[in-house]
Each structure stands twice: as structure tokens, then as C-alpha cells.
Amino acid sequence: SDLESILQYVRTKELLVRWCEVAAFTLMYRSHLGTLPNRNWQFYDDDESLKQYFRMARVFKAWAFYRARLMDEASRYGWPVMRHMLINFPDIDRSVVERMSTQYMLGTELLFAPVVDKGSSR
């Protein structure tokens, strides 16, 4: 994500790990030093971070065939690749969906629900 380019904050190891997990399920997987490179945790700062970065890169690569299909559909029909739950499930109770505001669908096949709370594992 390029949010780091415009936001002034310090990226911790935990945030980098989460960022890699989220980015693996988007259309682009990359990293950069950020606006505070000497203070931000980098994926090469320790073996664990490096392994996680490459692990998630393999996840990103693994669904390349599906991502290509979704991008083709987006080009042909204007359907978003990353979709709100209501696009795929229009009859679902909206109060249920509102409680799941951070999750989204990748096409019709993959549901992605990232961990967003600091210190949490689910």
C-alpha cells in the first residue's frame, strides 16, 4: 500500500507483518522504505520478518491466475476485484455486514478478513 507515503507514522514489526498479509490479497504486493526509513521496521530487519515477507509473496503469486481473471472481468464489465460483501450477497442482513466492516471479497470465491487490532491474532 502507498498510504505510508502520505502518512507520517512509525511502522512496527507487527504492522509490517499485517501489511504483508493484507497486501498479499490485493492487486499489488510491494514494499518501500517509507517516509521514516530509519525508524520504520523493514522486512529485512530480521529473519522472521524476511520469511513472512516472502511467505506472503508466495501467497500473492499463488492466486495470480484468479487475480488475472478478476482483472479481466473488471476491464470487461466494470466489476470491482475487491468487493463489498453486499455485491456478492445482496440479500444478507445488513446489520451482519456492518459488524464485518474490514472484510471483503475477492471476486466471488475468496473472503478476506484481516486482523486489524494491535496485539490480536484473530
Protein backbone atom coordinates (compact mmCIF):
# COMPACT_ATOMS: atom_id res chain seq x y z
CA SER A 1 0.00 0.00 0.00
CA ASP A 2 1.17 3.51 -0.65
CA LEU A 3 -0.59 5.03 2.35
CA GLU A 4 2.74 5.08 4.09
CA SER A 5 3.92 7.66 1.56
CA ILE A 6 1.46 10.23 2.82
CA LEU A 7 1.09 9.29 6.47
CA GLN A 8 3.78 10.16 8.98
CA TYR A 9 3.95 7.25 11.40
CA VAL A 10 6.42 4.65 12.53
CA ARG A 11 5.88 1.16 11.11
CA THR A 12 6.40 -1.50 13.78
CA LYS A 13 7.27 -5.12 13.14
CA GLU A 14 3.69 -6.16 13.87
CA LEU A 15 2.31 -3.58 11.45
CA LEU A 16 4.71 -4.73 8.72
CA VAL A 17 3.56 -8.34 9.21
CA ARG A 18 -0.11 -7.28 8.97
CA TRP A 19 0.67 -5.09 5.96
CA CYS A 20 2.22 -8.06 4.15
CA GLU A 21 -0.82 -10.21 4.94
CA VAL A 22 -3.22 -7.60 3.58
CA ALA A 23 -1.11 -6.75 0.53
CA ALA A 24 -0.97 -10.42 -0.48
CA PHE A 25 -4.72 -10.22 -1.07
CA THR A 26 -4.74 -7.03 -3.13
CA LEU A 27 -3.69 -6.26 -6.70
CA MET A 28 -0.14 -5.20 -5.84
CA TYR A 29 2.46 -6.62 -3.48
CA ARG A 30 5.46 -4.44 -2.79
CA SER A 31 7.33 -2.62 -0.09
CA HIS A 32 9.29 0.58 0.19
CA LEU A 33 11.29 2.22 2.92
CA GLY A 34 8.58 4.70 3.84
CA THR A 35 8.85 8.32 4.87
CA LEU A 36 10.84 7.49 8.00
CA PRO A 37 13.17 4.71 6.78
CA ASN A 38 15.49 4.82 9.79
CA ARG A 39 12.58 4.44 12.22
CA ASN A 40 10.30 2.10 10.25
CA TRP A 41 10.65 -1.64 10.62
CA GLN A 42 11.80 -3.11 7.30
CA PHE A 43 11.11 -6.62 6.02
CA TYR A 44 14.86 -7.35 6.02
CA ASP A 45 15.41 -6.24 9.65
CA ASP A 46 15.26 -9.81 10.99
CA ASP A 47 14.87 -13.36 9.69
CA GLU A 48 11.28 -13.69 10.91
CA SER A 49 10.17 -10.56 9.00
CA LEU A 50 12.03 -11.63 5.88
CA LYS A 51 10.41 -15.07 5.98
CA GLN A 52 6.96 -13.54 6.45
CA TYR A 53 7.51 -11.11 3.57
CA PHE A 54 8.45 -13.92 1.19
CA ARG A 55 5.78 -16.25 2.55
CA MET A 56 3.11 -13.70 1.72
CA ALA A 57 4.76 -13.03 -1.66
CA ARG A 58 4.23 -16.74 -2.42
CA VAL A 59 0.57 -16.39 -1.37
CA PHE A 60 0.24 -13.39 -3.70
CA LYS A 61 1.77 -15.41 -6.54
CA ALA A 62 -0.42 -18.45 -5.82
CA TRP A 63 -3.64 -16.68 -6.72
CA ALA A 64 -2.24 -14.90 -9.81
CA PHE A 65 -4.47 -16.96 -12.13
CA TYR A 66 -7.61 -15.86 -10.26
CA ARG A 67 -6.41 -12.25 -9.97
CA ALA A 68 -5.89 -12.16 -13.75
CA ARG A 69 -9.42 -13.46 -14.29
CA LEU A 70 -10.84 -10.84 -11.91
CA MET A 71 -8.89 -8.06 -13.61
CA ASP A 72 -10.24 -9.22 -16.97
CA GLU A 73 -13.78 -9.12 -15.55
CA ALA A 74 -13.12 -5.65 -14.17
CA SER A 75 -11.96 -4.49 -17.58
CA ARG A 76 -14.86 -6.07 -19.46
CA TYR A 77 -17.76 -5.45 -17.07
CA GLY A 78 -16.60 -2.86 -14.57
CA TRP A 79 -16.88 -5.28 -11.63
CA PRO A 80 -14.51 -4.46 -8.77
CA VAL A 81 -11.86 -7.03 -7.93
CA MET A 82 -12.13 -6.26 -4.19
CA ARG A 83 -15.83 -6.25 -3.37
CA HIS A 84 -18.06 -5.33 -0.50
CA MET A 85 -19.95 -8.35 0.82
CA LEU A 86 -23.27 -6.91 -0.39
CA ILE A 87 -22.17 -7.10 -4.02
CA ASN A 88 -21.93 -10.89 -3.86
CA PHE A 89 -24.62 -11.40 -1.23
CA PRO A 90 -27.26 -8.69 -1.75
CA ASP A 91 -29.84 -10.48 0.42
CA ILE A 92 -27.63 -10.77 3.50
CA ASP A 93 -28.80 -8.97 6.64
CA ARG A 94 -27.10 -5.55 6.51
CA SER A 95 -26.63 -5.47 10.29
CA VAL A 96 -24.44 -8.58 9.96
CA VAL A 97 -22.35 -6.96 7.23
CA GLU A 98 -21.91 -3.74 9.23
CA ARG A 99 -20.25 -5.72 12.04
CA MET A 100 -17.76 -7.08 9.50
CA SER A 101 -16.61 -3.77 8.07
CA THR A 102 -12.98 -4.73 7.46
CA GLN A 103 -13.56 -7.88 5.43
CA TYR A 104 -14.10 -8.03 1.70
CA MET A 105 -14.50 -10.46 -1.14
CA LEU A 106 -12.00 -11.06 -3.91
CA GLY A 107 -14.35 -11.79 -6.77
CA THR A 108 -16.93 -14.37 -5.79
CA GLU A 109 -14.58 -17.02 -4.44
CA LEU A 110 -12.34 -15.58 -1.71
CA LEU A 111 -13.36 -13.88 1.50
CA PHE A 112 -10.57 -11.87 3.15
CA ALA A 113 -10.89 -10.77 6.79
CA PRO A 114 -7.66 -9.17 8.01
CA VAL A 115 -6.55 -8.92 11.61
CA VAL A 116 -6.67 -5.21 12.36
CA ASP A 117 -6.37 -4.91 16.14
CA LYS A 118 -2.91 -4.35 17.59
CA GLY A 119 -1.70 -7.37 19.55
CA SER A 120 -4.51 -9.61 18.28
CA SER A 121 -4.09 -12.85 16.39
CA ARG A 122 -7.66 -13.07 15.07
